[in-house]
Amino acid sequence: EQFVVLDAKYRVTRSNVLDAMRSAHLYRDSLRWRERPPSACLLLAPAGGGAPWLEEPPFWSAHGVGVAVVQQGKAREQMEQILRQVLRF
């Protein structure tokens, strides 16, 4: 059984993304469901580019945290892809 933590953010500059990653690390380190940590803790951002390395699924897999870009008008497809990706971890 797996679970994922998603935290919506609206500021996408590098400094804001890096500051927000603190919450993703806290969630990954402290939240448990059935005594298991989340598969991933991702910040959801409306645009990318603030910290591009955090947007890469291999980074998510290696570190359990990252940034997922979800754009208006494409949210359903992007969320389906994100969830498929992180539930493989």
PDB file of N, CA and C in Angstrom:
ATOM      1  N   GLU A   1       0.838  -1.179   0.000  1.00  0.00           N
ATOM      2  CA  GLU A   1       0.000   0.000   0.000  1.00  0.00           C
ATOM      3  C   GLU A   1       0.876   1.233   0.000  1.00  0.00           C
ATOM      4  N   GLN A   2       0.501   2.188  -0.817  1.00  0.00           N
ATOM      5  CA  GLN A   2       1.287   3.395  -0.971  1.00  0.00           C
ATOM      6  C   GLN A   2       0.405   4.621  -0.791  1.00  0.00           C
ATOM      7  N   PHE A   3       1.063   5.725  -0.467  1.00  0.00           N
ATOM      8  CA  PHE A   3       0.379   7.004  -0.518  1.00  0.00           C
ATOM      9  C   PHE A   3       1.364   8.081  -0.930  1.00  0.00           C
ATOM     10  N   VAL A   4       0.806   9.173  -1.438  1.00  0.00           N
ATOM     11  CA  VAL A   4       1.585  10.282  -1.959  1.00  0.00           C
ATOM     12  C   VAL A   4       1.079  11.549  -1.293  1.00  0.00           C
ATOM     13  N   VAL A   5       1.986  12.454  -0.971  1.00  0.00           N
ATOM     14  CA  VAL A   5       1.618  13.750  -0.413  1.00  0.00           C
ATOM     15  C   VAL A   5       1.813  14.789  -1.515  1.00  0.00           C
ATOM     16  N   LEU A   6       0.763  15.579  -1.771  1.00  0.00           N
ATOM     17  CA  LEU A   6       0.808  16.633  -2.776  1.00  0.00           C
ATOM     18  C   LEU A   6       0.510  17.962  -2.095  1.00  0.00           C
ATOM     19  N   ASP A   7       1.353  18.943  -2.335  1.00  0.00           N
ATOM     20  CA  ASP A   7       1.232  20.245  -1.684  1.00  0.00           C
ATOM     21  C   ASP A   7       1.257  21.319  -2.768  1.00  0.00           C
ATOM     22  N   ALA A   8       0.113  21.977  -2.999  1.00  0.00           N
ATOM     23  CA  ALA A   8       0.017  22.994  -4.049  1.00  0.00           C
ATOM     24  C   ALA A   8       0.753  24.267  -3.654  1.00  0.00           C
ATOM     25  N   LYS A   9       1.547  24.763  -4.580  1.00  0.00           N
ATOM     26  CA  LYS A   9       2.284  26.014  -4.407  1.00  0.00           C
ATOM     27  C   LYS A   9       1.997  26.898  -5.613  1.00  0.00           C
ATOM     28  N   TYR A  10       2.057  28.190  -5.407  1.00  0.00           N
ATOM     29  CA  TYR A  10       1.736  29.103  -6.502  1.00  0.00           C
ATOM     30  C   TYR A  10       2.889  30.025  -6.860  1.00  0.00           C
ATOM     31  N   ARG A  11       3.911  30.068  -6.031  1.00  0.00           N
ATOM     32  CA  ARG A  11       5.094  30.879  -6.334  1.00  0.00           C
ATOM     33  C   ARG A  11       6.165  29.939  -6.878  1.00  0.00           C
ATOM     34  N   VAL A  12       6.685  30.256  -8.044  1.00  0.00           N
ATOM     35  CA  VAL A  12       7.553  29.303  -8.727  1.00  0.00           C
ATOM     36  C   VAL A  12       8.974  29.806  -8.954  1.00  0.00           C
ATOM     37  N   THR A  13       9.342  30.909  -8.328  1.00  0.00           N
ATOM     38  CA  THR A  13      10.728  31.348  -8.458  1.00  0.00           C
ATOM     39  C   THR A  13      11.636  30.368  -7.724  1.00  0.00           C
ATOM     40  N   ARG A  14      12.882  30.367  -8.084  1.00  0.00           N
ATOM     41  CA  ARG A  14      13.840  29.444  -7.484  1.00  0.00           C
ATOM     42  C   ARG A  14      13.846  29.538  -5.955  1.00  0.00           C
ATOM     43  N   SER A  15      13.916  30.750  -5.427  1.00  0.00           N
ATOM     44  CA  SER A  15      13.986  30.903  -3.966  1.00  0.00           C
ATOM     45  C   SER A  15      12.713  30.401  -3.299  1.00  0.00           C
ATOM     46  N   ASN A  16      11.563  30.644  -3.894  1.00  0.00           N
ATOM     47  CA  ASN A  16      10.310  30.169  -3.304  1.00  0.00           C
ATOM     48  C   ASN A  16      10.191  28.651  -3.373  1.00  0.00           C
ATOM     49  N   VAL A  17      10.599  28.070  -4.487  1.00  0.00           N
ATOM     50  CA  VAL A  17      10.542  26.608  -4.625  1.00  0.00           C
ATOM     51  C   VAL A  17      11.474  25.948  -3.611  1.00  0.00           C
ATOM     52  N   LEU A  18      12.686  26.455  -3.511  1.00  0.00           N
ATOM     53  CA  LEU A  18      13.630  25.864  -2.560  1.00  0.00           C
ATOM     54  C   LEU A  18      13.158  26.033  -1.122  1.00  0.00           C
ATOM     55  N   ASP A  19      12.558  27.164  -0.806  1.00  0.00           N
ATOM     56  CA  ASP A  19      12.013  27.370   0.531  1.00  0.00           C
ATOM     57  C   ASP A  19      10.863  26.398   0.801  1.00  0.00           C
ATOM     58  N   ALA A  20      10.002  26.192  -0.185  1.00  0.00           N
ATOM     59  CA  ALA A  20       8.854  25.292  -0.025  1.00  0.00           C
ATOM     60  C   ALA A  20       9.270  23.829   0.095  1.00  0.00           C
ATOM     61  N   MET A  21      10.453  23.483  -0.396  1.00  0.00           N
ATOM     62  CA  MET A  21      10.910  22.100  -0.303  1.00  0.00           C
ATOM     63  C   MET A  21      11.068  21.663   1.154  1.00  0.00           C
ATOM     64  N   ARG A  22      11.221  22.613   2.058  1.00  0.00           N
ATOM     65  CA  ARG A  22      11.294  22.246   3.479  1.00  0.00           C
ATOM     66  C   ARG A  22      10.053  21.473   3.906  1.00  0.00           C
ATOM     67  N   SER A  23       8.884  21.942   3.451  1.00  0.00           N
ATOM     68  CA  SER A  23       7.656  21.242   3.842  1.00  0.00           C
ATOM     69  C   SER A  23       7.605  19.848   3.229  1.00  0.00           C
ATOM     70  N   ALA A  24       8.076  19.694   2.001  1.00  0.00           N
ATOM     71  CA  ALA A  24       8.083  18.367   1.375  1.00  0.00           C
ATOM     72  C   ALA A  24       8.977  17.411   2.164  1.00  0.00           C
ATOM     73  N   HIS A  25      10.123  17.886   2.606  1.00  0.00           N
ATOM     74  CA  HIS A  25      11.018  17.046   3.405  1.00  0.00           C
ATOM     75  C   HIS A  25      10.389  16.706   4.759  1.00  0.00           C
ATOM     76  N   LEU A  26       9.736  17.674   5.375  1.00  0.00           N
ATOM     77  CA  LEU A  26       9.049  17.404   6.649  1.00  0.00           C
ATOM     78  C   LEU A  26       7.964  16.349   6.480  1.00  0.00           C
ATOM     79  N   TYR A  27       7.174  16.469   5.430  1.00  0.00           N
ATOM     80  CA  TYR A  27       6.120  15.483   5.185  1.00  0.00           C
ATOM     81  C   TYR A  27       6.726  14.097   4.976  1.00  0.00           C
ATOM     82  N   ARG A  28       7.757  14.029   4.147  1.00  0.00           N
ATOM     83  CA  ARG A  28       8.380  12.734   3.860  1.00  0.00           C
ATOM     84  C   ARG A  28       8.951  12.099   5.131  1.00  0.00           C
ATOM     85  N   ASP A  29       9.539  12.926   5.972  1.00  0.00           N
ATOM     86  CA  ASP A  29      10.194  12.403   7.168  1.00  0.00           C
ATOM     87  C   ASP A  29       9.239  12.115   8.317  1.00  0.00           C
ATOM     88  N   SER A  30       8.077  12.741   8.339  1.00  0.00           N
ATOM     89  CA  SER A  30       7.219  12.597   9.524  1.00  0.00           C
ATOM     90  C   SER A  30       5.882  11.903   9.281  1.00  0.00           C
ATOM     91  N   LEU A  31       5.319  12.001   8.103  1.00  0.00           N
ATOM     92  CA  LEU A  31       4.010  11.383   7.878  1.00  0.00           C
ATOM     93  C   LEU A  31       4.152   9.882   7.649  1.00  0.00           C
ATOM     94  N   ARG A  32       3.212   9.147   8.215  1.00  0.00           N
ATOM     95  CA  ARG A  32       3.182   7.692   8.041  1.00  0.00           C
ATOM     96  C   ARG A  32       1.740   7.241   7.888  1.00  0.00           C
ATOM     97  N   TRP A  33       1.564   6.233   7.078  1.00  0.00           N
ATOM     98  CA  TRP A  33       0.271   5.575   6.950  1.00  0.00           C
ATOM     99  C   TRP A  33       0.552   4.085   7.028  1.00  0.00           C
ATOM    100  N   ARG A  34      -0.068   3.466   8.010  1.00  0.00           N
ATOM    101  CA  ARG A  34       0.214   2.053   8.276  1.00  0.00           C
ATOM    102  C   ARG A  34       1.713   1.817   8.466  1.00  0.00           C
ATOM    103  N   GLU A  35       2.313   2.746   9.165  1.00  0.00           N
ATOM    104  CA  GLU A  35       3.720   2.699   9.531  1.00  0.00           C
ATOM    105  C   GLU A  35       4.682   2.805   8.349  1.00  0.00           C
ATOM    106  N   ARG A  36       4.195   3.295   7.223  1.00  0.00           N
ATOM    107  CA  ARG A  36       5.046   3.446   6.043  1.00  0.00           C
ATOM    108  C   ARG A  36       5.102   4.909   5.645  1.00  0.00           C
ATOM    109  N   PRO A  37       6.253   5.358   5.157  1.00  0.00           N
ATOM    110  CA  PRO A  37       6.366   6.737   4.679  1.00  0.00           C
ATOM    111  C   PRO A  37       5.695   6.886   3.312  1.00  0.00           C
ATOM    112  N   PRO A  38       5.437   8.092   2.897  1.00  0.00           N
ATOM    113  CA  PRO A  38       4.867   8.296   1.557  1.00  0.00           C
ATOM    114  C   PRO A  38       5.836   7.857   0.463  1.00  0.00           C
ATOM    115  N   SER A  39       5.275   7.425  -0.653  1.00  0.00           N
ATOM    116  CA  SER A  39       6.107   7.085  -1.809  1.00  0.00           C
ATOM    117  C   SER A  39       6.826   8.316  -2.322  1.00  0.00           C
ATOM    118  N   ALA A  40       6.134   9.454  -2.239  1.00  0.00           N
ATOM    119  CA  ALA A  40       6.727  10.718  -2.662  1.00  0.00           C
ATOM    120  C   ALA A  40       5.955  11.861  -2.033  1.00  0.00           C
ATOM    121  N   CYS A  41       6.649  12.966  -1.829  1.00  0.00           N
ATOM    122  CA  CYS A  41       6.045  14.221  -1.377  1.00  0.00           C
ATOM    123  C   CYS A  41       6.399  15.255  -2.431  1.00  0.00           C
ATOM    124  N   LEU A  42       5.386  15.660  -3.182  1.00  0.00           N
ATOM    125  CA  LEU A  42       5.631  16.556  -4.295  1.00  0.00           C
ATOM    126  C   LEU A  42       4.939  17.894  -4.099  1.00  0.00           C
ATOM    127  N   LEU A  43       5.641  18.939  -4.469  1.00  0.00           N
ATOM    128  CA  LEU A  43       5.038  20.252  -4.552  1.00  0.00           C
ATOM    129  C   LEU A  43       4.415  20.348  -5.939  1.00  0.00           C
ATOM    130  N   LEU A  44       3.188  20.808  -6.019  1.00  0.00           N
ATOM    131  CA  LEU A  44       2.540  21.013  -7.308  1.00  0.00           C
ATOM    132  C   LEU A  44       2.661  22.488  -7.659  1.00  0.00           C
ATOM    133  N   ALA A  45       3.239  22.773  -8.816  1.00  0.00           N
ATOM    134  CA  ALA A  45       3.470  24.148  -9.238  1.00  0.00           C
ATOM    135  C   ALA A  45       2.819  24.396 -10.597  1.00  0.00           C
ATOM    136  N   PRO A  46       2.318  25.614 -10.833  1.00  0.00           N
ATOM    137  CA  PRO A  46       1.661  25.909 -12.103  1.00  0.00           C
ATOM    138  C   PRO A  46       2.631  26.131 -13.266  1.00  0.00           C
ATOM    139  N   ALA A  47       3.915  26.255 -12.972  1.00  0.00           N
ATOM    140  CA  ALA A  47       4.930  26.434 -14.012  1.00  0.00           C
ATOM    141  C   ALA A  47       6.244  25.881 -13.496  1.00  0.00           C
ATOM    142  N   GLY A  48       7.092  25.514 -14.414  1.00  0.00           N
ATOM    143  CA  GLY A  48       8.380  24.977 -14.041  1.00  0.00           C
ATOM    144  C   GLY A  48       9.488  25.992 -14.215  1.00  0.00           C
ATOM    145  N   GLY A  49      10.696  25.542 -13.976  1.00  0.00           N
ATOM    146  CA  GLY A  49      11.855  26.361 -14.238  1.00  0.00           C
ATOM    147  C   GLY A  49      12.517  26.957 -13.022  1.00  0.00           C
ATOM    148  N   GLY A  50      11.826  27.013 -11.886  1.00  0.00           N
ATOM    149  CA  GLY A  50      12.427  27.589 -10.693  1.00  0.00           C
ATOM    150  C   GLY A  50      13.597  26.762 -10.183  1.00  0.00           C
ATOM    151  N   ALA A  51      13.452  25.470 -10.226  1.00  0.00           N
ATOM    152  CA  ALA A  51      14.498  24.527  -9.820  1.00  0.00           C
ATOM    153  C   ALA A  51      14.310  23.272 -10.669  1.00  0.00           C
ATOM    154  N   PRO A  52      14.733  23.316 -11.920  1.00  0.00           N
ATOM    155  CA  PRO A  52      14.405  22.257 -12.884  1.00  0.00           C
ATOM    156  C   PRO A  52      14.810  20.849 -12.478  1.00  0.00           C
ATOM    157  N   TRP A  53      15.906  20.689 -11.746  1.00  0.00           N
ATOM    158  CA  TRP A  53      16.323  19.340 -11.334  1.00  0.00           C
ATOM    159  C   TRP A  53      15.300  18.691 -10.409  1.00  0.00           C
ATOM    160  N   LEU A  54      14.542  19.512  -9.665  1.00  0.00           N
ATOM    161  CA  LEU A  54      13.516  18.976  -8.768  1.00  0.00           C
ATOM    162  C   LEU A  54      12.282  18.484  -9.523  1.00  0.00           C
ATOM    163  N   GLU A  55      12.171  18.844 -10.791  1.00  0.00           N
ATOM    164  CA  GLU A  55      11.014  18.481 -11.614  1.00  0.00           C
ATOM    165  C   GLU A  55      11.191  17.142 -12.327  1.00  0.00           C
ATOM    166  N   GLU A  56      12.313  16.508 -12.155  1.00  0.00           N
ATOM    167  CA  GLU A  56      12.616  15.269 -12.869  1.00  0.00           C
ATOM    168  C   GLU A  56      12.195  14.037 -12.072  1.00  0.00           C
ATOM    169  N   PRO A  57      11.370  13.150 -12.658  1.00  0.00           N
ATOM    170  CA  PRO A  57      10.962  11.934 -11.954  1.00  0.00           C
ATOM    171  C   PRO A  57      12.114  11.101 -11.387  1.00  0.00           C
ATOM    172  N   PRO A  58      13.276  11.007 -12.053  1.00  0.00           N
ATOM    173  CA  PRO A  58      14.374  10.267 -11.415  1.00  0.00           C
ATOM    174  C   PRO A  58      14.800  10.902 -10.083  1.00  0.00           C
ATOM    175  N   PHE A  59      14.733  12.216  -9.982  1.00  0.00           N
ATOM    176  CA  PHE A  59      15.037  12.888  -8.718  1.00  0.00           C
ATOM    177  C   PHE A  59      13.991  12.514  -7.677  1.00  0.00           C
ATOM    178  N   TRP A  60      12.709  12.530  -8.071  1.00  0.00           N
ATOM    179  CA  TRP A  60      11.630  12.149  -7.148  1.00  0.00           C
ATOM    180  C   TRP A  60      11.888  10.756  -6.595  1.00  0.00           C
ATOM    181  N   SER A  61      12.217   9.841  -7.484  1.00  0.00           N
ATOM    182  CA  SER A  61      12.434   8.450  -7.095  1.00  0.00           C
ATOM    183  C   SER A  61      13.619   8.315  -6.144  1.00  0.00           C
ATOM    184  N   ALA A  62      14.685   9.024  -6.429  1.00  0.00           N
ATOM    185  CA  ALA A  62      15.894   8.913  -5.614  1.00  0.00           C
ATOM    186  C   ALA A  62      15.751   9.559  -4.243  1.00  0.00           C
ATOM    187  N   HIS A  63      14.976  10.651  -4.166  1.00  0.00           N
ATOM    188  CA  HIS A  63      14.937  11.436  -2.926  1.00  0.00           C
ATOM    189  C   HIS A  63      13.580  11.461  -2.233  1.00  0.00           C
ATOM    190  N   GLY A  64      12.538  11.012  -2.917  1.00  0.00           N
ATOM    191  CA  GLY A  64      11.206  10.986  -2.312  1.00  0.00           C
ATOM    192  C   GLY A  64      10.523  12.334  -2.234  1.00  0.00           C
ATOM    193  N   VAL A  65      11.115  13.354  -2.841  1.00  0.00           N
ATOM    194  CA  VAL A  65      10.540  14.700  -2.871  1.00  0.00           C
ATOM    195  C   VAL A  65      10.789  15.299  -4.247  1.00  0.00           C
ATOM    196  N   GLY A  66      10.057  16.361  -4.560  1.00  0.00           N
ATOM    197  CA  GLY A  66      10.291  17.044  -5.823  1.00  0.00           C
ATOM    198  C   GLY A  66       9.175  18.014  -6.143  1.00  0.00           C
ATOM    199  N   VAL A  67       9.221  18.505  -7.366  1.00  0.00           N
ATOM    200  CA  VAL A  67       8.237  19.461  -7.864  1.00  0.00           C
ATOM    201  C   VAL A  67       7.590  18.871  -9.111  1.00  0.00           C
ATOM    202  N   ALA A  68       6.270  18.905  -9.146  1.00  0.00           N
ATOM    203  CA  ALA A  68       5.525  18.456 -10.325  1.00  0.00           C
ATOM    204  C   ALA A  68       4.773  19.649 -10.904  1.00  0.00           C
ATOM    205  N   VAL A  69       4.938  19.858 -12.186  1.00  0.00           N
ATOM    206  CA  VAL A  69       4.273  20.977 -12.855  1.00  0.00           C
ATOM    207  C   VAL A  69       2.894  20.518 -13.314  1.00  0.00           C
ATOM    208  N   VAL A  70       1.887  21.285 -12.907  1.00  0.00           N
ATOM    209  CA  VAL A  70       0.501  20.999 -13.292  1.00  0.00           C
ATOM    210  C   VAL A  70      -0.086  22.300 -13.819  1.00  0.00           C
ATOM    211  N   GLN A  71      -0.324  22.341 -15.119  1.00  0.00           N
ATOM    212  CA  GLN A  71      -0.778  23.555 -15.770  1.00  0.00           C
ATOM    213  C   GLN A  71      -2.287  23.560 -15.992  1.00  0.00           C
ATOM    214  N   GLN A  72      -2.851  24.745 -15.915  1.00  0.00           N
ATOM    215  CA  GLN A  72      -4.280  24.899 -16.155  1.00  0.00           C
ATOM    216  C   GLN A  72      -4.611  24.394 -17.556  1.00  0.00           C
ATOM    217  N   GLY A  73      -5.686  23.654 -17.663  1.00  0.00           N
ATOM    218  CA  GLY A  73      -6.097  23.094 -18.933  1.00  0.00           C
ATOM    219  C   GLY A  73      -5.489  21.735 -19.233  1.00  0.00           C
ATOM    220  N   LYS A  74      -4.455  21.369 -18.498  1.00  0.00           N
ATOM    221  CA  LYS A  74      -3.787  20.079 -18.695  1.00  0.00           C
ATOM    222  C   LYS A  74      -3.721  19.285 -17.398  1.00  0.00           C
ATOM    223  N   ALA A  75      -4.391  19.771 -16.376  1.00  0.00           N
ATOM    224  CA  ALA A  75      -4.234  19.211 -15.029  1.00  0.00           C
ATOM    225  C   ALA A  75      -4.588  17.723 -14.962  1.00  0.00           C
ATOM    226  N   ARG A  76      -5.690  17.336 -15.557  1.00  0.00           N
ATOM    227  CA  ARG A  76      -6.104  15.931 -15.441  1.00  0.00           C
ATOM    228  C   ARG A  76      -5.044  14.990 -16.015  1.00  0.00           C
ATOM    229  N   GLU A  77      -4.602  15.267 -17.220  1.00  0.00           N
ATOM    230  CA  GLU A  77      -3.615  14.404 -17.859  1.00  0.00           C
ATOM    231  C   GLU A  77      -2.290  14.427 -17.093  1.00  0.00           C
ATOM    232  N   GLN A  78      -1.884  15.608 -16.675  1.00  0.00           N
ATOM    233  CA  GLN A  78      -0.623  15.712 -15.958  1.00  0.00           C
ATOM    234  C   GLN A  78      -0.692  15.004 -14.608  1.00  0.00           C
ATOM    235  N   MET A  79      -1.788  15.149 -13.893  1.00  0.00           N
ATOM    236  CA  MET A  79      -1.919  14.475 -12.600  1.00  0.00           C
ATOM    237  C   MET A  79      -1.941  12.958 -12.765  1.00  0.00           C
ATOM    238  N   GLU A  80      -2.611  12.462 -13.785  1.00  0.00           N
ATOM    239  CA  GLU A  80      -2.607  11.021 -14.034  1.00  0.00           C
ATOM    240  C   GLU A  80      -1.187  10.517 -14.290  1.00  0.00           C
ATOM    241  N   GLN A  81      -0.430  11.263 -15.077  1.00  0.00           N
ATOM    242  CA  GLN A  81       0.951  10.877 -15.376  1.00  0.00           C
ATOM    243  C   GLN A  81       1.811  10.934 -14.111  1.00  0.00           C
ATOM    244  N   ILE A  82       1.657  11.978 -13.310  1.00  0.00           N
ATOM    245  CA  ILE A  82       2.435  12.125 -12.079  1.00  0.00           C
ATOM    246  C   ILE A  82       2.143  10.954 -11.132  1.00  0.00           C
ATOM    247  N   LEU A  83       0.871  10.653 -10.948  1.00  0.00           N
ATOM    248  CA  LEU A  83       0.512   9.566 -10.029  1.00  0.00           C
ATOM    249  C   LEU A  83       1.008   8.217 -10.525  1.00  0.00           C
ATOM    250  N   ARG A  84       0.899   7.965 -11.817  1.00  0.00           N
ATOM    251  CA  ARG A  84       1.446   6.709 -12.369  1.00  0.00           C
ATOM    252  C   ARG A  84       2.945   6.629 -12.085  1.00  0.00           C
ATOM    253  N   GLN A  85       3.627   7.735 -12.257  1.00  0.00           N
ATOM    254  CA  GLN A  85       5.080   7.762 -12.050  1.00  0.00           C
ATOM    255  C   GLN A  85       5.433   7.465 -10.596  1.00  0.00           C
ATOM    256  N   VAL A  86       4.832   8.185  -9.642  1.00  0.00           N
ATOM    257  CA  VAL A  86       5.256   8.039  -8.259  1.00  0.00           C
ATOM    258  C   VAL A  86       4.757   6.756  -7.611  1.00  0.00           C
ATOM    259  N   LEU A  87       3.690   6.182  -8.107  1.00  0.00           N
ATOM    260  CA  LEU A  87       3.215   4.939  -7.512  1.00  0.00           C
ATOM    261  C   LEU A  87       4.044   3.732  -7.978  1.00  0.00           C
ATOM    262  N   ARG A  88       4.987   3.954  -8.861  1.00  0.00           N
ATOM    263  CA  ARG A  88       5.943   2.896  -9.252  1.00  0.00           C
ATOM    264  C   ARG A  88       7.101   2.803  -8.290  1.00  0.00           C
ATOM    265  N   PHE A  89       7.314   3.821  -7.475  1.00  0.00           N
ATOM    266  CA  PHE A  89       8.469   3.845  -6.565  1.00  0.00           C
ATOM    267  C   PHE A  89       8.322   2.770  -5.526  1.00  0.00           C
TER     268      PHE A  89
END
